[in-house]
Amino acid sequence: MKLATASVRLLIAVGAGLAAVGATALPGLPSVVQAPETRLAAAASDLPEGAYWHTRVLTQRTGPRQMGSGANRYWVVERGLIEEWTAPDGKAWFGYREAGAYPKSAADRKAWRRDGSPAKWTRTADGQVVKLSAEPGKGHVGPVRGNDDTFSLAGQRLTYDEVQRLPADPNALKSWLSEAARVSRVKQDKVDGYITGALPEMLYWLPAPRNVRAAAYQALLTMPTVRARGESKDGMGRAGAALSIDRPKTVQRNGLTVKDKVDLIVDTGTMLLLSESQATTVRGKLSFNETSTRTMLEVGWTDTAPAVPALP
């Protein structure tokens, strides 16, 4: 369910401290009017710095099934490149390219060699049909069809200007997301998870101003399932603040509680997400080697036109 346009704009205006005099604030959201010079400075910084908001992401996934046969079983990492370009008017393009699969560890490489060093896989060790190759694919790029020229956040559709006016205060931002959850009919006991899931998207997915991204990061630190883990480095050696999220959603597998644990690394200078890793755990231990990582190779404005993703 979507917020009505007027309701969305009122939520953003109030939460960002730009509510017009006489407007009625929704319950739980503060009403703060900025000074004219502050509004002018904010407007100047909201101008796009390029033709497209661009993300270039390297994805890596392992499991849940091994390749090979008999004693020669091994885990394979699947790699892909995803690029997205979104113009301020909401028009978007999507590109994808398979970047080649490879054995995960030294032990996996030994088992792979014993298995004949295959460059392609059509079945897993337990007979499941797959289509994997060590060679990169040709890739493709094209416009995103069927979107309504807006940006998506927490189930709501926002214009570029509305994204710029999202709350730059952590508490106000959480209030906005709570209201979005209510309008989307999220159950009360699921609201915190809904908010926690939306906040990381603001660190790369949306062309939000840095102060809004900073509010999203600060809000994340206050969520009950989020833990700060000091400084860490991503797969490219870039340092950032490490956060762990224990997702409250669980499923039962053979009578055991299975959870997804998400680790984030954030560049707190730019307030952009560097990487996001997810692991499936049973009783706190890694299960079935199920892991996936998204490394943000590029996030920001660009004038370079959409094209098939280049290999890293």
Protein backbone atom coordinates (compact mmCIF):
# COMPACT_ATOMS: atom_id res chain seq x y z
CA MET A 1 0.00 0.00 0.00
CA LYS A 2 1.39 3.44 -0.91
CA LEU A 3 1.17 6.69 0.99
CA ALA A 4 -0.95 9.29 -0.75
CA THR A 5 1.25 11.94 -2.41
CA ALA A 6 0.16 14.67 -0.03
CA SER A 7 0.80 12.42 2.98
CA VAL A 8 4.29 11.53 1.76
CA ARG A 9 5.19 15.16 1.24
CA LEU A 10 3.87 16.17 4.65
CA LEU A 11 5.84 13.37 6.32
CA ILE A 12 9.05 14.42 4.58
CA ALA A 13 8.55 18.12 5.16
CA VAL A 14 7.84 17.71 8.87
CA GLY A 15 10.56 15.14 9.48
CA ALA A 16 13.16 17.25 7.69
CA GLY A 17 12.21 20.39 9.58
CA LEU A 18 10.71 22.09 6.53
CA ALA A 19 7.03 22.03 7.47
CA ALA A 20 5.13 25.10 6.33
CA VAL A 21 3.56 27.33 8.98
CA GLY A 22 0.07 26.07 9.75
CA ALA A 23 0.67 22.52 8.56
CA THR A 24 -0.50 19.77 10.90
CA ALA A 25 2.30 17.43 12.01
CA LEU A 26 1.48 13.74 12.12
CA PRO A 27 1.69 12.12 15.59
CA GLY A 28 5.23 11.37 16.75
CA LEU A 29 6.97 13.64 14.21
CA PRO A 30 8.53 16.94 15.35
CA SER A 31 7.70 20.22 13.66
CA VAL A 32 10.80 22.42 13.27
CA VAL A 33 11.02 25.33 10.85
CA GLN A 34 14.49 26.09 9.54
CA ALA A 35 15.74 29.62 9.04
CA PRO A 36 15.54 30.91 5.42
CA GLU A 37 19.33 30.91 4.97
CA THR A 38 19.48 27.28 6.12
CA ARG A 39 16.82 26.30 3.61
CA LEU A 40 18.72 28.06 0.81
CA ALA A 41 21.96 26.28 1.70
CA ALA A 42 20.17 22.94 1.77
CA ALA A 43 18.55 23.59 -1.61
CA ALA A 44 21.91 24.46 -3.17
CA SER A 45 23.46 21.20 -1.95
CA ASP A 46 20.54 19.13 -3.22
CA LEU A 47 21.36 19.64 -6.91
CA PRO A 48 22.43 16.45 -8.71
CA GLU A 49 26.19 16.22 -9.23
CA GLY A 50 25.87 14.16 -12.40
CA ALA A 51 23.44 12.72 -14.92
CA TYR A 52 22.86 9.48 -12.98
CA TRP A 53 23.04 8.12 -9.45
CA HIS A 54 25.20 5.06 -10.13
CA THR A 55 25.98 1.87 -8.21
CA ARG A 56 28.43 -0.81 -9.32
CA VAL A 57 28.30 -3.93 -7.16
CA LEU A 58 30.33 -7.15 -7.16
CA THR A 59 28.27 -10.06 -5.84
CA GLN A 60 29.79 -13.29 -4.52
CA ARG A 61 27.78 -16.29 -3.35
CA THR A 62 28.74 -19.69 -1.93
CA GLY A 63 26.52 -22.72 -1.28
CA PRO A 64 24.26 -24.28 -0.33
CA ARG A 65 25.39 -27.23 -2.54
CA GLN A 66 28.82 -28.56 -3.44
CA MET A 67 30.13 -29.41 -6.90
CA GLY A 68 32.11 -32.50 -7.93
CA SER A 69 31.39 -36.11 -7.00
CA GLY A 70 32.34 -38.77 -4.50
CA ALA A 71 35.31 -37.72 -2.38
CA ASN A 72 36.04 -34.87 -4.78
CA ARG A 73 33.44 -32.41 -3.54
CA TYR A 74 34.13 -28.72 -3.28
CA TRP A 75 32.48 -25.34 -2.78
CA VAL A 76 32.29 -22.87 -5.66
CA VAL A 77 31.96 -19.08 -5.42
CA GLU A 78 29.60 -17.55 -7.98
CA ARG A 79 30.48 -13.97 -9.00
CA GLY A 80 28.41 -11.33 -10.76
CA LEU A 81 28.49 -7.62 -11.53
CA ILE A 82 25.40 -5.48 -11.11
CA GLU A 83 25.24 -1.85 -12.21
CA GLU A 84 22.33 0.56 -11.94
CA TRP A 85 21.92 4.09 -13.18
CA THR A 86 19.05 6.32 -12.09
CA ALA A 87 18.42 9.84 -13.40
CA PRO A 88 16.92 12.48 -11.09
CA ASP A 89 13.59 12.08 -12.91
CA GLY A 90 13.53 8.42 -11.79
CA LYS A 91 14.29 6.81 -15.16
CA ALA A 92 16.58 3.86 -14.54
CA TRP A 93 18.85 1.37 -16.34
CA PHE A 94 20.08 -2.01 -15.15
CA GLY A 95 23.17 -3.97 -16.20
CA TYR A 96 24.32 -7.46 -15.22
CA ARG A 97 27.28 -9.66 -16.10
CA GLU A 98 28.39 -13.04 -14.79
CA ALA A 99 31.99 -12.64 -13.67
CA GLY A 100 32.98 -16.32 -13.49
CA ALA A 101 32.85 -18.97 -10.77
CA TYR A 102 35.87 -20.42 -8.96
CA PRO A 103 36.67 -22.94 -6.15
CA LYS A 104 36.45 -21.20 -2.78
CA SER A 105 39.47 -22.35 -0.76
CA ALA A 106 42.82 -24.10 -1.21
CA ALA A 107 41.18 -27.39 -0.17
CA ASP A 108 38.37 -26.78 -2.66
CA ARG A 109 40.91 -26.12 -5.44
CA LYS A 110 42.61 -29.47 -4.71
CA ALA A 111 39.27 -31.31 -4.88
CA TRP A 112 38.43 -29.41 -8.08
CA ARG A 113 41.69 -30.56 -9.69
CA ARG A 114 40.99 -34.14 -8.67
CA ASP A 115 37.57 -33.71 -10.31
CA GLY A 116 39.27 -32.86 -13.62
CA SER A 117 39.43 -29.05 -13.27
CA PRO A 118 36.08 -28.43 -14.98
CA ALA A 119 35.43 -24.96 -16.40
CA LYS A 120 31.65 -25.48 -16.43
CA TRP A 121 29.15 -27.13 -14.11
CA THR A 122 25.71 -28.44 -15.07
CA ARG A 123 24.94 -30.44 -11.93
CA THR A 124 25.80 -30.22 -8.25
CA ALA A 125 27.33 -33.11 -6.30
CA ASP A 126 23.83 -34.18 -5.23
CA GLY A 127 22.41 -34.02 -8.77
CA GLN A 128 20.71 -30.63 -8.81
CA VAL A 129 20.71 -28.88 -12.21
CA VAL A 130 22.85 -25.71 -12.35
CA LYS A 131 24.43 -23.53 -14.99
CA LEU A 132 27.81 -22.22 -13.88
CA SER A 133 30.97 -21.32 -15.76
CA ALA A 134 34.47 -20.20 -14.84
CA GLU A 135 34.37 -17.90 -17.88
CA PRO A 136 32.72 -14.47 -17.58
CA GLY A 137 29.49 -13.90 -19.48
CA LYS A 138 28.85 -11.25 -22.14
CA GLY A 139 26.40 -9.37 -19.94
CA HIS A 140 23.54 -7.05 -20.83
CA VAL A 141 22.16 -3.60 -20.06
CA GLY A 142 18.79 -1.97 -20.63
CA PRO A 143 16.14 0.37 -19.25
CA VAL A 144 14.08 -0.68 -16.25
CA ARG A 145 10.55 -1.23 -17.55
CA GLY A 146 7.33 -0.51 -15.71
CA ASN A 147 8.66 1.78 -12.99
CA ASP A 148 6.79 5.02 -12.28
CA ASP A 149 9.82 7.34 -12.40
CA THR A 150 10.20 7.52 -8.62
CA PHE A 151 12.53 6.12 -5.99
CA SER A 152 11.53 3.33 -3.59
CA LEU A 153 12.08 3.39 0.18
CA ALA A 154 10.30 1.26 2.79
CA GLY A 155 7.49 0.45 0.37
CA GLN A 156 6.91 4.12 -0.55
CA ARG A 157 7.50 5.90 -3.84
CA LEU A 158 9.36 9.22 -3.62
CA THR A 159 10.37 11.86 -6.13
CA TYR A 160 13.96 13.07 -6.25
CA ASP A 161 13.02 16.24 -4.35
CA GLU A 162 11.27 14.17 -1.67
CA VAL A 163 14.38 12.04 -1.27
CA GLN A 164 16.38 15.23 -0.70
CA ARG A 165 13.95 16.29 2.04
CA LEU A 166 14.03 13.06 4.02
CA PRO A 167 14.77 13.68 7.72
CA ALA A 168 18.41 14.42 8.53
CA ASP A 169 17.80 13.62 12.22
CA PRO A 170 18.02 9.95 13.31
CA ASN A 171 14.91 10.02 15.51
CA ALA A 172 12.85 11.88 12.91
CA LEU A 173 13.99 9.44 10.24
CA LYS A 174 12.94 6.47 12.36
CA SER A 175 9.58 8.15 12.95
CA TRP A 176 9.12 8.57 9.18
CA LEU A 177 9.96 4.91 8.60
CA SER A 178 7.62 3.85 11.42
CA GLU A 179 4.80 5.75 9.76
CA ALA A 180 5.68 4.16 6.41
CA ALA A 181 5.47 0.76 8.13
CA ARG A 182 2.07 1.62 9.60
CA VAL A 183 0.70 2.71 6.23
CA SER A 184 2.12 -0.47 4.68
CA ARG A 185 0.25 -2.45 7.37
CA VAL A 186 3.37 -3.98 8.86
CA LYS A 187 2.59 -5.87 12.07
CA GLN A 188 3.70 -4.02 15.17
CA ASP A 189 6.17 -6.71 16.23
CA LYS A 190 7.81 -6.53 12.77
CA VAL A 191 8.28 -2.73 12.62
CA ASP A 192 11.82 -2.70 14.06
CA GLY A 193 12.92 -5.28 11.48
CA TYR A 194 11.24 -3.26 8.74
CA ILE A 195 13.13 -0.12 9.76
CA THR A 196 16.43 -1.98 10.17
CA GLY A 197 16.05 -3.42 6.66
CA ALA A 198 15.33 -0.01 5.10
CA LEU A 199 18.15 2.00 6.70
CA PRO A 200 21.12 0.31 4.90
CA GLU A 201 19.46 1.00 1.53
CA MET A 202 19.81 4.71 2.26
CA LEU A 203 23.60 4.28 2.38
CA TYR A 204 23.89 3.42 -1.32
CA TRP A 205 20.57 2.82 -3.08
CA LEU A 206 19.04 6.31 -2.88
CA PRO A 207 20.60 9.60 -4.06
CA ALA A 208 20.05 11.04 -0.57
CA PRO A 209 22.23 13.91 0.76
CA ARG A 210 25.14 12.98 3.00
CA ASN A 211 23.42 14.36 6.13
CA VAL A 212 20.43 12.08 5.48
CA ARG A 213 22.78 9.11 5.01
CA ALA A 214 24.50 10.07 8.26
CA ALA A 215 21.12 10.06 10.01
CA ALA A 216 20.43 6.59 8.59
CA TYR A 217 23.77 5.31 9.91
CA GLN A 218 23.18 6.83 13.35
CA ALA A 219 19.65 5.42 13.42
CA LEU A 220 21.03 1.95 12.61
CA LEU A 221 23.22 2.09 15.70
CA THR A 222 20.12 2.49 17.89
CA MET A 223 18.22 -0.52 16.52
CA PRO A 224 17.89 -3.49 18.92
CA THR A 225 19.33 -6.16 16.57
CA VAL A 226 22.33 -4.06 15.45
CA ARG A 227 25.78 -4.29 17.06
CA ALA A 228 28.79 -2.06 16.39
CA ARG A 229 31.98 -4.13 15.94
CA GLY A 230 34.67 -1.46 15.65
CA GLU A 231 36.70 -0.98 12.48
CA SER A 232 37.09 -3.63 9.80
CA LYS A 233 38.11 -3.98 6.15
CA ASP A 234 36.09 -5.19 3.19
CA GLY A 235 37.26 -7.60 0.49
CA MET A 236 39.07 -4.76 -1.29
CA GLY A 237 41.00 -3.73 1.80
CA ARG A 238 38.95 -0.56 2.43
CA ALA A 239 38.51 0.32 6.10
CA GLY A 240 35.20 1.28 7.64
CA ALA A 241 32.91 0.91 10.63
CA ALA A 242 31.62 -2.66 11.02
CA LEU A 243 28.04 -3.43 12.07
CA SER A 244 26.30 -6.77 12.56
CA ILE A 245 22.55 -7.32 12.19
CA ASP A 246 20.81 -10.41 13.53
CA ARG A 247 17.69 -10.69 11.44
CA PRO A 248 14.68 -11.48 13.62
CA LYS A 249 13.03 -13.53 10.89
CA THR A 250 13.76 -17.23 11.41
CA VAL A 251 12.70 -20.46 9.76
CA GLN A 252 12.70 -24.01 11.05
CA ARG A 253 14.93 -26.56 9.32
CA ASN A 254 14.85 -30.11 10.72
CA GLY A 255 13.68 -28.76 14.06
CA LEU A 256 16.53 -26.23 14.33
CA THR A 257 16.21 -22.44 14.30
CA VAL A 258 18.00 -20.99 11.27
CA LYS A 259 18.92 -17.29 11.14
CA ASP A 260 20.51 -14.91 8.70
CA LYS A 261 23.31 -12.75 10.07
CA VAL A 262 24.23 -9.62 8.10
CA ASP A 263 27.54 -7.75 8.41
CA LEU A 264 27.96 -4.22 7.06
CA ILE A 265 31.06 -2.10 6.58
CA VAL A 266 30.36 1.63 6.25
CA ASP A 267 32.69 4.45 5.20
CA THR A 268 31.79 6.99 7.88
CA GLY A 269 33.57 9.76 5.96
CA THR A 270 31.31 9.59 2.90
CA MET A 271 28.52 7.74 4.78
CA LEU A 272 28.36 5.16 2.00
CA LEU A 273 28.08 1.39 2.33
CA LEU A 274 31.27 -0.45 1.34
CA SER A 275 30.07 -4.04 1.66
CA GLU A 276 27.25 -6.22 2.93
CA SER A 277 27.76 -9.89 3.81
CA GLN A 278 25.12 -12.43 4.78
CA ALA A 279 25.61 -15.84 6.35
CA THR A 280 23.08 -18.51 7.27
CA THR A 281 23.66 -19.84 10.76
CA VAL A 282 22.27 -22.68 12.87
CA ARG A 283 22.71 -22.19 16.61
CA GLY A 284 25.14 -19.41 15.81
CA LYS A 285 27.35 -21.50 13.53
CA LEU A 286 27.74 -21.25 9.76
CA SER A 287 25.40 -23.66 7.99
CA PHE A 288 25.90 -25.35 4.62
CA ASN A 289 28.57 -22.78 3.68
CA GLU A 290 25.70 -20.44 2.71
CA THR A 291 27.27 -17.00 2.38
CA SER A 292 26.88 -14.05 0.07
CA THR A 293 28.70 -10.73 -0.18
CA ARG A 294 27.96 -7.55 -2.05
CA THR A 295 30.93 -5.20 -2.47
CA MET A 296 30.07 -1.67 -3.56
CA LEU A 297 32.77 -0.93 -6.13
CA GLU A 298 31.28 2.45 -7.02
CA VAL A 299 28.48 4.53 -5.49
CA GLY A 300 27.74 8.12 -6.45
CA TRP A 301 26.96 10.51 -9.28
CA THR A 302 28.30 9.96 -12.78
CA ASP A 303 27.92 11.40 -16.27
CA THR A 304 28.97 8.12 -17.91
CA ALA A 305 26.09 6.60 -19.86
CA PRO A 306 24.76 3.09 -19.03
CA ALA A 307 26.79 0.25 -20.56
CA VAL A 308 27.36 -3.48 -20.10
CA PRO A 309 29.31 -3.88 -16.82
CA ALA A 310 33.05 -4.10 -17.38
CA LEU A 311 34.99 -6.88 -15.65
CA PRO A 312 36.85 -5.81 -12.48
